[in-house]
C-alpha cells in the first residue's frame, strides 16, 4: 500500500528531528575559562594600566619600539593595537593598554581595558 502525503511528511519530520538530535549530541559544550579576571589595586580600585600616562603618544606611528615605550609608560602588563575594522573581544582587562590606530598605523587613542 503506497504512503499517503501526510504519512510521508510525518516520516520526513521524524527523520529530520532524529538527525538534528544526533548532531546536537555530538557537539561539545564550551569549556569554562580557567583565566580569572585581573585583580584591581586595593588602594585605588583600578588595574595597573594608566592610559593618561600615554596620551602624548597619540599622533605617533605605532611601530614596535613606540608600542613597547607606551606599555612601559602606562605600567600595563599587555597591549592590544587595534586597527580600523579589526574585531576585538569585549573582555575587560584592567592591566591591558589598548592603542587604537588609523590606516596609516598612527595612534589615535589610548585606553586601558
N, C-alpha and C. Protein backbone atom coordinates (compact mmCIF):
# COMPACT_ATOMS: atom_id res chain seq x y z
N UNK A 1 0.84 -1.15 0.00
CA UNK A 1 0.00 0.00 0.00
C UNK A 1 0.91 1.24 0.00
N UNK A 2 0.68 2.22 -0.92
CA UNK A 2 1.52 3.40 -1.01
C UNK A 2 1.27 4.33 0.18
N UNK A 3 2.35 5.08 0.56
CA UNK A 3 2.24 6.04 1.67
C UNK A 3 1.46 7.26 1.22
N UNK A 4 0.65 7.78 2.12
CA UNK A 4 -0.13 8.98 1.81
C UNK A 4 0.78 10.20 2.00
N UNK A 5 0.42 11.35 1.43
CA UNK A 5 1.24 12.54 1.61
C UNK A 5 1.44 12.90 3.08
N UNK A 6 0.41 12.70 3.93
CA UNK A 6 0.53 13.03 5.35
C UNK A 6 1.53 12.09 6.02
N UNK A 7 1.51 10.82 5.67
CA UNK A 7 2.44 9.86 6.24
C UNK A 7 3.87 10.18 5.81
N UNK A 8 4.06 10.57 4.56
CA UNK A 8 5.38 10.93 4.07
C UNK A 8 5.93 12.15 4.82
N UNK A 9 5.09 13.12 5.09
CA UNK A 9 5.53 14.31 5.84
C UNK A 9 5.93 13.94 7.26
N UNK A 10 5.16 13.06 7.89
CA UNK A 10 5.48 12.64 9.26
C UNK A 10 6.82 11.90 9.29
N UNK A 11 7.03 11.06 8.32
CA UNK A 11 8.30 10.32 8.26
C UNK A 11 9.45 11.29 8.04
N UNK A 12 9.27 12.26 7.15
CA UNK A 12 10.32 13.24 6.88
C UNK A 12 10.60 14.07 8.13
N UNK A 13 9.55 14.48 8.85
CA UNK A 13 9.71 15.26 10.07
C UNK A 13 10.41 14.44 11.15
N UNK A 14 10.04 13.21 11.31
CA UNK A 14 10.67 12.34 12.30
C UNK A 14 12.14 12.11 11.96
N UNK A 15 12.45 11.94 10.69
CA UNK A 15 13.84 11.75 10.26
C UNK A 15 14.66 13.00 10.52
N UNK A 16 14.11 14.16 10.19
CA UNK A 16 14.82 15.42 10.42
C UNK A 16 15.05 15.66 11.90
N UNK A 17 14.06 15.37 12.73
CA UNK A 17 14.20 15.53 14.18
C UNK A 17 15.27 14.61 14.73
N UNK A 18 15.29 13.38 14.29
CA UNK A 18 16.30 12.42 14.74
C UNK A 18 17.69 12.85 14.31
N UNK A 19 17.81 13.35 13.10
CA UNK A 19 19.10 13.80 12.59
C UNK A 19 19.62 14.99 13.39
N UNK A 20 18.76 15.97 13.63
CA UNK A 20 19.16 17.15 14.40
C UNK A 20 19.52 16.79 15.83
N UNK A 21 18.77 15.86 16.43
CA UNK A 21 19.07 15.43 17.79
C UNK A 21 20.43 14.75 17.86
N UNK A 22 20.74 13.94 16.86
CA UNK A 22 22.04 13.26 16.87
C UNK A 22 23.18 14.24 16.66
N UNK A 23 22.97 15.28 15.85
CA UNK A 23 24.01 16.29 15.66
C UNK A 23 24.23 17.09 16.93
N UNK A 24 23.17 17.42 17.63
CA UNK A 24 23.29 18.17 18.88
C UNK A 24 24.02 17.37 19.94
N UNK A 25 23.84 16.07 19.94
CA UNK A 25 24.52 15.22 20.91
C UNK A 25 26.02 15.15 20.65
N UNK A 26 26.44 15.39 19.43
CA UNK A 26 27.86 15.31 19.09
C UNK A 26 28.62 16.60 19.41
N UNK A 27 27.92 17.69 19.61
CA UNK A 27 28.61 18.96 19.86
C UNK A 27 29.18 18.97 21.27
N UNK A 28 30.31 19.64 21.43
CA UNK A 28 30.91 19.73 22.75
C UNK A 28 30.53 21.05 23.39
N UNK A 29 30.25 21.03 24.68
CA UNK A 29 29.88 22.28 25.35
C UNK A 29 31.11 23.18 25.49
N UNK A 30 30.92 24.49 25.56
CA UNK A 30 32.06 25.38 25.72
C UNK A 30 32.75 25.13 27.05
N UNK A 31 34.07 25.17 27.02
CA UNK A 31 34.83 24.95 28.24
C UNK A 31 34.79 26.20 29.11
N UNK A 32 34.77 25.98 30.40
CA UNK A 32 34.81 27.11 31.32
C UNK A 32 36.20 27.72 31.27
N UNK A 33 36.27 29.01 31.30
CA UNK A 33 37.55 29.70 31.22
C UNK A 33 38.28 29.61 32.55
N UNK A 34 39.51 29.08 32.54
CA UNK A 34 40.27 28.99 33.78
C UNK A 34 40.95 30.31 34.15
N UNK A 35 40.84 31.30 33.26
CA UNK A 35 41.51 32.57 33.48
C UNK A 35 40.64 33.45 34.37
N UNK A 36 41.20 33.90 35.47
CA UNK A 36 40.45 34.77 36.35
C UNK A 36 40.66 36.21 35.92
N UNK A 37 39.71 37.09 36.23
CA UNK A 37 39.85 38.49 35.83
C UNK A 37 41.02 39.12 36.57
N UNK A 38 41.61 40.17 36.01
CA UNK A 38 42.75 40.80 36.67
C UNK A 38 42.33 41.42 37.99
N UNK A 39 43.24 41.38 38.92
CA UNK A 39 42.98 41.94 40.24
C UNK A 39 43.16 43.46 40.20
N UNK A 40 42.32 44.16 40.89
CA UNK A 40 42.43 45.61 40.97
C UNK A 40 43.35 45.99 42.12
N UNK A 41 43.96 47.15 42.01
CA UNK A 41 44.79 47.68 43.07
C UNK A 41 43.87 48.00 44.25
N UNK A 42 44.11 47.42 45.43
CA UNK A 42 43.20 47.64 46.55
C UNK A 42 43.16 49.10 47.01
N UNK A 43 44.21 49.87 46.75
CA UNK A 43 44.24 51.27 47.18
C UNK A 43 43.41 52.17 46.27
N UNK A 44 43.46 51.91 44.95
CA UNK A 44 42.76 52.78 44.01
C UNK A 44 41.52 52.14 43.42
N UNK A 45 41.43 50.80 43.50
CA UNK A 45 40.31 50.09 42.90
C UNK A 45 40.47 49.93 41.39
N UNK A 46 41.61 50.35 40.85
CA UNK A 46 41.86 50.27 39.41
C UNK A 46 42.96 49.25 39.14
N UNK A 47 43.06 48.85 37.88
CA UNK A 47 44.13 47.95 37.48
C UNK A 47 45.44 48.68 37.35
N UNK A 48 46.44 47.99 36.86
CA UNK A 48 47.78 48.57 36.82
C UNK A 48 48.05 49.42 35.59
N UNK A 49 47.10 49.60 34.71
CA UNK A 49 47.30 50.39 33.49
C UNK A 49 46.87 51.83 33.71
N UNK A 50 47.68 52.77 33.24
CA UNK A 50 47.37 54.20 33.35
C UNK A 50 47.42 54.82 31.97
N UNK A 51 46.28 54.91 31.30
CA UNK A 51 46.22 55.43 29.93
C UNK A 51 46.57 56.92 29.86
N UNK A 52 46.33 57.65 30.94
CA UNK A 52 46.66 59.08 30.93
C UNK A 52 48.15 59.31 30.73
N UNK A 53 48.96 58.35 31.16
CA UNK A 53 50.41 58.48 31.02
C UNK A 53 50.87 58.40 29.57
N UNK A 54 50.03 57.91 28.68
CA UNK A 54 50.43 57.76 27.28
C UNK A 54 49.58 58.60 26.33
N UNK A 55 48.83 59.55 26.84
CA UNK A 55 48.03 60.42 25.96
C UNK A 55 48.92 61.16 24.97
N UNK A 56 50.16 61.44 25.37
CA UNK A 56 51.08 62.15 24.46
C UNK A 56 51.55 61.26 23.30
N UNK A 57 51.29 59.97 23.36
CA UNK A 57 51.66 59.06 22.27
C UNK A 57 50.69 59.19 21.10
N UNK A 58 49.53 59.78 21.31
CA UNK A 58 48.57 59.97 20.21
C UNK A 58 49.22 60.83 19.14
N UNK A 59 49.17 60.35 17.90
CA UNK A 59 49.79 61.03 16.77
C UNK A 59 51.11 60.40 16.35
N UNK A 60 51.64 59.50 17.17
CA UNK A 60 52.89 58.82 16.81
C UNK A 60 52.57 57.54 16.05
N UNK A 61 53.50 57.11 15.21
CA UNK A 61 53.34 55.85 14.49
C UNK A 61 53.57 54.70 15.46
N UNK A 62 52.68 53.74 15.43
CA UNK A 62 52.73 52.62 16.37
C UNK A 62 53.66 51.53 15.88
N UNK A 63 54.96 51.85 15.80
CA UNK A 63 55.92 50.80 15.46
C UNK A 63 56.24 50.03 16.75
N UNK A 64 57.03 49.00 16.63
CA UNK A 64 57.31 48.11 17.76
C UNK A 64 57.93 48.86 18.95
N UNK A 65 58.88 49.74 18.68
CA UNK A 65 59.54 50.47 19.75
C UNK A 65 58.58 51.42 20.47
N UNK A 66 57.74 52.12 19.73
CA UNK A 66 56.79 53.06 20.32
C UNK A 66 55.77 52.31 21.18
N UNK A 67 55.31 51.16 20.69
CA UNK A 67 54.34 50.37 21.46
C UNK A 67 54.98 49.90 22.76
N UNK A 68 56.22 49.42 22.70
CA UNK A 68 56.92 48.99 23.92
C UNK A 68 57.05 50.14 24.92
N UNK A 69 57.40 51.32 24.42
CA UNK A 69 57.53 52.50 25.29
C UNK A 69 56.19 52.85 25.93
N UNK A 70 55.12 52.79 25.16
CA UNK A 70 53.79 53.13 25.67
C UNK A 70 53.36 52.15 26.76
N UNK A 71 53.63 50.87 26.55
CA UNK A 71 53.28 49.86 27.55
C UNK A 71 54.03 50.13 28.85
N UNK A 72 55.31 50.41 28.73
CA UNK A 72 56.12 50.69 29.93
C UNK A 72 55.63 51.96 30.63
N UNK A 73 55.35 53.00 29.87
CA UNK A 73 54.89 54.27 30.47
C UNK A 73 53.54 54.11 31.15
N UNK A 74 52.66 53.29 30.58
CA UNK A 74 51.33 53.08 31.16
C UNK A 74 51.37 52.11 32.33
N UNK A 75 52.47 51.36 32.45
CA UNK A 75 52.55 50.36 33.50
C UNK A 75 51.67 49.16 33.23
N UNK A 76 51.34 48.94 31.96
CA UNK A 76 50.45 47.84 31.57
C UNK A 76 51.22 46.53 31.49
N UNK A 77 50.49 45.44 31.65
CA UNK A 77 51.10 44.11 31.52
C UNK A 77 50.90 43.54 30.12
N UNK A 78 50.06 44.17 29.32
CA UNK A 78 49.81 43.71 27.97
C UNK A 78 49.33 44.87 27.12
N UNK A 79 49.28 44.62 25.81
CA UNK A 79 48.86 45.67 24.89
C UNK A 79 48.08 45.05 23.75
N UNK A 80 47.17 45.84 23.21
CA UNK A 80 46.43 45.45 22.01
C UNK A 80 46.45 46.65 21.09
N UNK A 81 46.99 46.47 19.89
CA UNK A 81 46.97 47.52 18.88
C UNK A 81 45.76 47.23 18.00
N UNK A 82 44.80 48.14 18.03
CA UNK A 82 43.52 47.91 17.36
C UNK A 82 43.48 48.72 16.07
N UNK A 83 43.43 48.01 14.96
CA UNK A 83 43.42 48.64 13.64
C UNK A 83 41.98 48.87 13.18
N UNK A 84 41.76 49.78 12.23
CA UNK A 84 40.40 50.06 11.75
C UNK A 84 39.69 48.80 11.26
N UNK A 85 38.47 48.59 11.72
CA UNK A 85 37.67 47.44 11.30
C UNK A 85 38.06 46.13 11.94
N UNK A 86 39.05 46.14 12.81
CA UNK A 86 39.53 44.91 13.44
C UNK A 86 38.54 44.46 14.51
N UNK A 87 38.22 43.18 14.53
CA UNK A 87 37.34 42.63 15.56
C UNK A 87 38.15 42.43 16.84
N UNK A 88 37.58 42.84 17.95
CA UNK A 88 38.24 42.65 19.24
C UNK A 88 37.24 42.08 20.23
N UNK A 89 37.76 41.36 21.19
CA UNK A 89 36.89 40.79 22.21
C UNK A 89 36.45 41.89 23.16
N UNK A 90 35.37 41.66 23.85
CA UNK A 90 34.84 42.64 24.78
C UNK A 90 35.30 42.39 26.22
N UNK A 91 36.23 41.45 26.41
CA UNK A 91 36.70 41.20 27.76
C UNK A 91 37.46 42.40 28.29
N UNK A 92 37.27 42.69 29.56
CA UNK A 92 37.94 43.84 30.18
C UNK A 92 39.12 43.34 30.98
N UNK A 93 40.28 43.89 30.71
CA UNK A 93 41.49 43.57 31.46
C UNK A 93 42.09 44.89 31.93
N UNK A 94 42.03 45.13 33.21
CA UNK A 94 42.48 46.40 33.77
C UNK A 94 43.97 46.63 33.57
N UNK A 95 44.71 45.57 33.30
CA UNK A 95 46.16 45.70 33.14
C UNK A 95 46.60 45.75 31.67
N UNK A 96 45.64 45.91 30.74
CA UNK A 96 45.97 45.92 29.31
C UNK A 96 45.78 47.31 28.72
N UNK A 97 46.76 47.75 27.93
CA UNK A 97 46.68 49.01 27.20
C UNK A 97 46.13 48.73 25.81
N UNK A 98 45.12 49.49 25.41
CA UNK A 98 44.57 49.39 24.06
C UNK A 98 44.98 50.63 23.29
N UNK A 99 45.72 50.43 22.22
CA UNK A 99 46.13 51.54 21.36
C UNK A 99 45.35 51.42 20.05
N UNK A 100 44.50 52.39 19.77
CA UNK A 100 43.77 52.38 18.50
C UNK A 100 44.58 53.17 17.49
N UNK A 101 44.70 52.60 16.28
CA UNK A 101 45.47 53.24 15.22
C UNK A 101 44.60 53.44 13.99
N UNK A 102 45.03 54.36 13.12
CA UNK A 102 44.32 54.57 11.86
C UNK A 102 44.94 53.70 10.78
N UNK A 103 44.51 53.88 9.54
CA UNK A 103 45.00 53.07 8.42
C UNK A 103 46.50 53.23 8.19
N UNK A 104 47.07 54.37 8.61
CA UNK A 104 48.50 54.62 8.44
C UNK A 104 49.29 54.16 9.66
N UNK A 105 48.64 53.45 10.61
CA UNK A 105 49.26 52.93 11.82
C UNK A 105 49.66 54.04 12.80
N UNK A 106 48.95 55.16 12.74
CA UNK A 106 49.19 56.27 13.66
C UNK A 106 48.21 56.12 14.84
N UNK A 107 48.71 56.25 16.05
CA UNK A 107 47.88 56.10 17.25
C UNK A 107 46.85 57.22 17.31
N UNK A 108 45.58 56.83 17.43
CA UNK A 108 44.50 57.82 17.51
C UNK A 108 43.92 57.91 18.92
N UNK A 109 44.08 56.86 19.72
CA UNK A 109 43.62 56.90 21.11
C UNK A 109 44.31 55.82 21.91
N UNK A 110 44.32 56.03 23.23
CA UNK A 110 44.90 55.07 24.16
C UNK A 110 43.95 54.94 25.34
N UNK A 111 43.66 53.69 25.70
CA UNK A 111 42.78 53.45 26.85
C UNK A 111 43.15 52.10 27.46
N UNK A 112 42.77 51.91 28.69
CA UNK A 112 43.02 50.64 29.36
C UNK A 112 41.76 49.80 29.29
N UNK A 113 41.94 48.52 29.37
CA UNK A 113 40.77 47.63 29.39
C UNK A 113 40.93 46.38 28.61
